[in-house]
Amino acid sequence: EVLSDDVSDAIVAVDNNTVSRTAFNGIFANNGDAGLLDIHIRGNTVSAPLDVVPASGLAVHGIEVNPLPEASTTCLNISGNTSAGNAASGGAGYRTRQRDPAVFRLERFTGSPTSAADVIAFLQAQNASGSGSATVQAGYTPVPNGGCRIVP
């Protein structure tokens, strides 16, 4: 779980892990307030979470990047993962949410910034296997390969 909030500035890599037997989302990232978060999620194997009906009533996803609807900026570099959501809860292997006024930058994305179907197709094409789910309000911001900051 990666949580960024307030005026934080974080660069995080979640690479080459095997994640299994989680109750809720396998890999989860959240960014809020005026936080800056550049997150790289690459080469992970995430098994379907175990919780079918969590107390929150929300679907349970394998990998979820969910900036809060606040003035945060998130940049996501995601590729080479195998991920499964808990299908019984409606969960997807990959879930992203772009909600106003948050800025959600998506590395290598070339589709329509306001199309959930394009974002889902991108998530599935970038990764080895897994279903996708996306929320779009104002739109994702495409950035080129290498557009998310890395640790110097």
C-alpha atoms as a PDB file:
ATOM      1  CA  GLU A   1       0.000   0.000   0.000  1.00  0.00           C
ATOM      2  CA  VAL A   2       1.385   3.391  -1.058  1.00  0.00           C
ATOM      3  CA  LEU A   3      -0.250   6.426   0.556  1.00  0.00           C
ATOM      4  CA  SER A   4       0.777   9.968  -0.353  1.00  0.00           C
ATOM      5  CA  ASP A   5      -1.008  12.982   1.125  1.00  0.00           C
ATOM      6  CA  ASP A   6      -0.894  16.650   2.094  1.00  0.00           C
ATOM      7  CA  VAL A   7       2.137  18.317   0.463  1.00  0.00           C
ATOM      8  CA  SER A   8       4.175  15.132   0.114  1.00  0.00           C
ATOM      9  CA  ASP A   9       6.469  14.528  -2.843  1.00  0.00           C
ATOM     10  CA  ALA A  10       7.170  10.846  -3.480  1.00  0.00           C
ATOM     11  CA  ILE A  11       8.780   8.673  -6.137  1.00  0.00           C
ATOM     12  CA  VAL A  12       7.999   4.992  -5.568  1.00  0.00           C
ATOM     13  CA  ALA A  13       8.885   1.787  -7.419  1.00  0.00           C
ATOM     14  CA  VAL A  14       6.865  -1.376  -6.802  1.00  0.00           C
ATOM     15  CA  ASP A  15       8.782  -3.796  -9.012  1.00  0.00           C
ATOM     16  CA  ASN A  16       9.158  -7.571  -9.365  1.00  0.00           C
ATOM     17  CA  ASN A  17       7.051  -8.706  -6.404  1.00  0.00           C
ATOM     18  CA  THR A  18       4.772 -11.682  -5.923  1.00  0.00           C
ATOM     19  CA  VAL A  19       1.662 -10.622  -4.030  1.00  0.00           C
ATOM     20  CA  SER A  20      -0.860 -13.195  -2.839  1.00  0.00           C
ATOM     21  CA  ARG A  21      -3.380 -13.964  -0.103  1.00  0.00           C
ATOM     22  CA  THR A  22      -4.311 -10.303   0.481  1.00  0.00           C
ATOM     23  CA  ALA A  23      -7.685  -9.470   1.970  1.00  0.00           C
ATOM     24  CA  PHE A  24      -8.120  -6.275  -0.046  1.00  0.00           C
ATOM     25  CA  ASN A  25      -6.317  -4.902  -3.136  1.00  0.00           C
ATOM     26  CA  GLY A  26      -2.989  -6.574  -3.890  1.00  0.00           C
ATOM     27  CA  ILE A  27      -1.125  -3.347  -4.752  1.00  0.00           C
ATOM     28  CA  PHE A  28      -2.867  -0.091  -3.870  1.00  0.00           C
ATOM     29  CA  ALA A  29      -1.689   3.507  -4.343  1.00  0.00           C
ATOM     30  CA  ASN A  30      -3.540   6.601  -3.189  1.00  0.00           C
ATOM     31  CA  ASN A  31      -2.578  10.273  -3.480  1.00  0.00           C
ATOM     32  CA  GLY A  32      -4.440  13.186  -1.937  1.00  0.00           C
ATOM     33  CA  ASP A  33      -4.526  16.866  -1.068  1.00  0.00           C
ATOM     34  CA  ALA A  34      -1.637  18.578  -2.909  1.00  0.00           C
ATOM     35  CA  GLY A  35       0.597  15.511  -3.001  1.00  0.00           C
ATOM     36  CA  LEU A  36       2.945  14.639  -5.849  1.00  0.00           C
ATOM     37  CA  LEU A  37       3.328  10.916  -6.531  1.00  0.00           C
ATOM     38  CA  ASP A  38       5.280   9.268  -9.340  1.00  0.00           C
ATOM     39  CA  ILE A  39       4.740   5.521  -9.094  1.00  0.00           C
ATOM     40  CA  HIS A  40       6.279   2.730 -11.148  1.00  0.00           C
ATOM     41  CA  ILE A  41       4.468  -0.638 -10.972  1.00  0.00           C
ATOM     42  CA  ARG A  42       6.397  -3.143 -13.094  1.00  0.00           C
ATOM     43  CA  GLY A  43       6.928  -6.884 -13.346  1.00  0.00           C
ATOM     44  CA  ASN A  44       4.677  -7.909 -10.445  1.00  0.00           C
ATOM     45  CA  THR A  45       2.550 -11.037 -10.120  1.00  0.00           C
ATOM     46  CA  VAL A  46      -0.615 -10.314  -8.156  1.00  0.00           C
ATOM     47  CA  SER A  47      -3.076 -13.084  -7.276  1.00  0.00           C
ATOM     48  CA  ALA A  48      -6.761 -12.312  -6.830  1.00  0.00           C
ATOM     49  CA  PRO A  49      -7.466 -10.856  -3.374  1.00  0.00           C
ATOM     50  CA  LEU A  50      -9.402 -13.168  -1.055  1.00  0.00           C
ATOM     51  CA  ASP A  51     -12.117 -10.812   0.259  1.00  0.00           C
ATOM     52  CA  VAL A  52     -15.291 -11.228  -1.809  1.00  0.00           C
ATOM     53  CA  VAL A  53     -17.369  -8.616   0.014  1.00  0.00           C
ATOM     54  CA  PRO A  54     -15.188  -6.214   1.993  1.00  0.00           C
ATOM     55  CA  ALA A  55     -16.746  -4.048   4.695  1.00  0.00           C
ATOM     56  CA  SER A  56     -16.444  -1.045   2.354  1.00  0.00           C
ATOM     57  CA  GLY A  57     -18.665  -2.758  -0.214  1.00  0.00           C
ATOM     58  CA  LEU A  58     -16.139  -1.852  -2.941  1.00  0.00           C
ATOM     59  CA  ALA A  59     -14.820  -4.161  -5.630  1.00  0.00           C
ATOM     60  CA  VAL A  60     -11.472  -5.766  -4.800  1.00  0.00           C
ATOM     61  CA  HIS A  61      -8.784  -5.235  -7.474  1.00  0.00           C
ATOM     62  CA  GLY A  62      -5.354  -6.747  -8.017  1.00  0.00           C
ATOM     63  CA  ILE A  63      -3.642  -3.391  -8.695  1.00  0.00           C
ATOM     64  CA  GLU A  64      -5.411  -0.086  -8.040  1.00  0.00           C
ATOM     65  CA  VAL A  65      -4.095   3.474  -8.413  1.00  0.00           C
ATOM     66  CA  ASN A  66      -6.684   5.813  -6.954  1.00  0.00           C
ATOM     67  CA  PRO A  67      -5.860   9.511  -6.497  1.00  0.00           C
ATOM     68  CA  LEU A  68      -8.428  11.261  -4.329  1.00  0.00           C
ATOM     69  CA  PRO A  69     -10.621  13.969  -5.915  1.00  0.00           C
ATOM     70  CA  GLU A  70      -8.298  16.666  -4.589  1.00  0.00           C
ATOM     71  CA  ALA A  71      -5.531  18.855  -6.059  1.00  0.00           C
ATOM     72  CA  SER A  72      -2.947  16.066  -6.251  1.00  0.00           C
ATOM     73  CA  THR A  73      -0.754  15.033  -9.189  1.00  0.00           C
ATOM     74  CA  THR A  74      -0.037  11.362  -9.856  1.00  0.00           C
ATOM     75  CA  CYS A  75       2.156   9.905 -12.609  1.00  0.00           C
ATOM     76  CA  LEU A  76       1.821   6.169 -13.301  1.00  0.00           C
ATOM     77  CA  ASN A  77       4.275   3.958 -15.175  1.00  0.00           C
ATOM     78  CA  ILE A  78       2.721   0.486 -15.289  1.00  0.00           C
ATOM     79  CA  SER A  79       3.933  -2.467 -17.346  1.00  0.00           C
ATOM     80  CA  GLY A  80       4.793  -6.161 -17.396  1.00  0.00           C
ATOM     81  CA  ASN A  81       2.487  -7.191 -14.559  1.00  0.00           C
ATOM     82  CA  THR A  82       0.198 -10.200 -14.224  1.00  0.00           C
ATOM     83  CA  SER A  83      -2.739  -9.292 -12.024  1.00  0.00           C
ATOM     84  CA  ALA A  84      -6.152 -10.645 -11.102  1.00  0.00           C
ATOM     85  CA  GLY A  85      -8.996  -8.985  -9.250  1.00  0.00           C
ATOM     86  CA  ASN A  86     -11.583 -10.753  -7.158  1.00  0.00           C
ATOM     87  CA  ALA A  87     -14.175 -11.438  -9.859  1.00  0.00           C
ATOM     88  CA  ALA A  88     -16.907 -12.228  -7.315  1.00  0.00           C
ATOM     89  CA  SER A  89     -16.637  -8.659  -5.969  1.00  0.00           C
ATOM     90  CA  GLY A  90     -16.491  -7.142  -9.484  1.00  0.00           C
ATOM     91  CA  GLY A  91     -12.765  -6.506  -9.147  1.00  0.00           C
ATOM     92  CA  ALA A  92     -10.396  -6.089 -12.080  1.00  0.00           C
ATOM     93  CA  GLY A  93      -6.732  -6.929 -12.437  1.00  0.00           C
ATOM     94  CA  TYR A  94      -5.977  -3.224 -13.014  1.00  0.00           C
ATOM     95  CA  ARG A  95      -8.023  -0.248 -11.808  1.00  0.00           C
ATOM     96  CA  THR A  96      -7.250   3.442 -12.227  1.00  0.00           C
ATOM     97  CA  ARG A  97      -9.365   6.428 -11.235  1.00  0.00           C
ATOM     98  CA  GLN A  98      -8.998   9.969 -12.543  1.00  0.00           C
ATOM     99  CA  ARG A  99     -11.287  12.293 -10.601  1.00  0.00           C
ATOM    100  CA  ASP A 100     -11.447  16.100 -10.605  1.00  0.00           C
ATOM    101  CA  PRO A 101      -9.461  18.123  -9.744  1.00  0.00           C
ATOM    102  CA  ALA A 102      -6.689  15.511  -9.479  1.00  0.00           C
ATOM    103  CA  VAL A 103      -4.175  15.325 -12.331  1.00  0.00           C
ATOM    104  CA  PHE A 104      -3.460  11.741 -13.413  1.00  0.00           C
ATOM    105  CA  ARG A 105      -0.490  11.408 -15.768  1.00  0.00           C
ATOM    106  CA  LEU A 106      -0.222   8.078 -17.598  1.00  0.00           C
ATOM    107  CA  GLU A 107       3.158   7.169 -19.090  1.00  0.00           C
ATOM    108  CA  ARG A 108       3.071   5.928 -22.737  1.00  0.00           C
ATOM    109  CA  PHE A 109      -0.707   6.421 -23.059  1.00  0.00           C
ATOM    110  CA  THR A 110      -1.708   7.476 -26.592  1.00  0.00           C
ATOM    111  CA  GLY A 111      -5.484   6.987 -26.524  1.00  0.00           C
ATOM    112  CA  SER A 112      -8.249   9.493 -25.902  1.00  0.00           C
ATOM    113  CA  PRO A 113      -7.698  11.057 -22.442  1.00  0.00           C
ATOM    114  CA  THR A 114     -11.456  11.023 -21.762  1.00  0.00           C
ATOM    115  CA  SER A 115     -12.162   7.454 -22.887  1.00  0.00           C
ATOM    116  CA  ALA A 116     -12.392   4.823 -20.150  1.00  0.00           C
ATOM    117  CA  ALA A 117     -12.315   2.146 -22.878  1.00  0.00           C
ATOM    118  CA  ASP A 118      -8.996   3.528 -24.208  1.00  0.00           C
ATOM    119  CA  VAL A 119      -7.498   3.579 -20.703  1.00  0.00           C
ATOM    120  CA  ILE A 120      -8.637  -0.004 -20.075  1.00  0.00           C
ATOM    121  CA  ALA A 121      -7.199  -1.145 -23.428  1.00  0.00           C
ATOM    122  CA  PHE A 122      -3.920   0.603 -22.550  1.00  0.00           C
ATOM    123  CA  LEU A 123      -3.730  -1.066 -19.112  1.00  0.00           C
ATOM    124  CA  GLN A 124      -4.313  -4.475 -20.666  1.00  0.00           C
ATOM    125  CA  ALA A 125      -1.814  -3.901 -23.509  1.00  0.00           C
ATOM    126  CA  GLN A 126       0.948  -2.758 -21.126  1.00  0.00           C
ATOM    127  CA  ASN A 127       0.628  -5.817 -18.913  1.00  0.00           C
ATOM    128  CA  ALA A 128       0.911  -9.575 -19.407  1.00  0.00           C
ATOM    129  CA  SER A 129      -2.622 -10.466 -18.330  1.00  0.00           C
ATOM    130  CA  GLY A 130      -5.595  -9.203 -16.363  1.00  0.00           C
ATOM    131  CA  SER A 131      -8.828  -7.323 -16.884  1.00  0.00           C
ATOM    132  CA  GLY A 132      -9.066  -3.545 -16.587  1.00  0.00           C
ATOM    133  CA  SER A 133     -11.304  -0.887 -15.085  1.00  0.00           C
ATOM    134  CA  ALA A 134     -11.035   2.908 -15.266  1.00  0.00           C
ATOM    135  CA  THR A 135     -12.843   6.008 -14.050  1.00  0.00           C
ATOM    136  CA  VAL A 136     -12.485   9.182 -16.109  1.00  0.00           C
ATOM    137  CA  GLN A 137     -13.771  12.636 -15.229  1.00  0.00           C
ATOM    138  CA  ALA A 138     -11.692  15.478 -16.736  1.00  0.00           C
ATOM    139  CA  GLY A 139      -9.280  13.090 -18.451  1.00  0.00           C
ATOM    140  CA  TYR A 140      -5.908  11.444 -18.101  1.00  0.00           C
ATOM    141  CA  THR A 141      -2.784  13.356 -19.146  1.00  0.00           C
ATOM    142  CA  PRO A 142      -0.635  11.348 -21.581  1.00  0.00           C
ATOM    143  CA  VAL A 143       3.118  11.602 -20.981  1.00  0.00           C
ATOM    144  CA  PRO A 144       5.908  10.038 -23.061  1.00  0.00           C
ATOM    145  CA  ASN A 145       7.966   7.032 -22.051  1.00  0.00           C
ATOM    146  CA  GLY A 146      10.201   8.228 -19.205  1.00  0.00           C
ATOM    147  CA  GLY A 147       7.751  11.025 -18.338  1.00  0.00           C
ATOM    148  CA  CYS A 148       7.281   9.909 -14.732  1.00  0.00           C
ATOM    149  CA  ARG A 149      10.131  10.912 -12.445  1.00  0.00           C
ATOM    150  CA  ILE A 150      12.535   8.226 -11.266  1.00  0.00           C
ATOM    151  CA  VAL A 151      14.784   8.173  -8.219  1.00  0.00           C
ATOM    152  CA  PRO A 152      18.014   9.974  -9.203  1.00  0.00           C
END
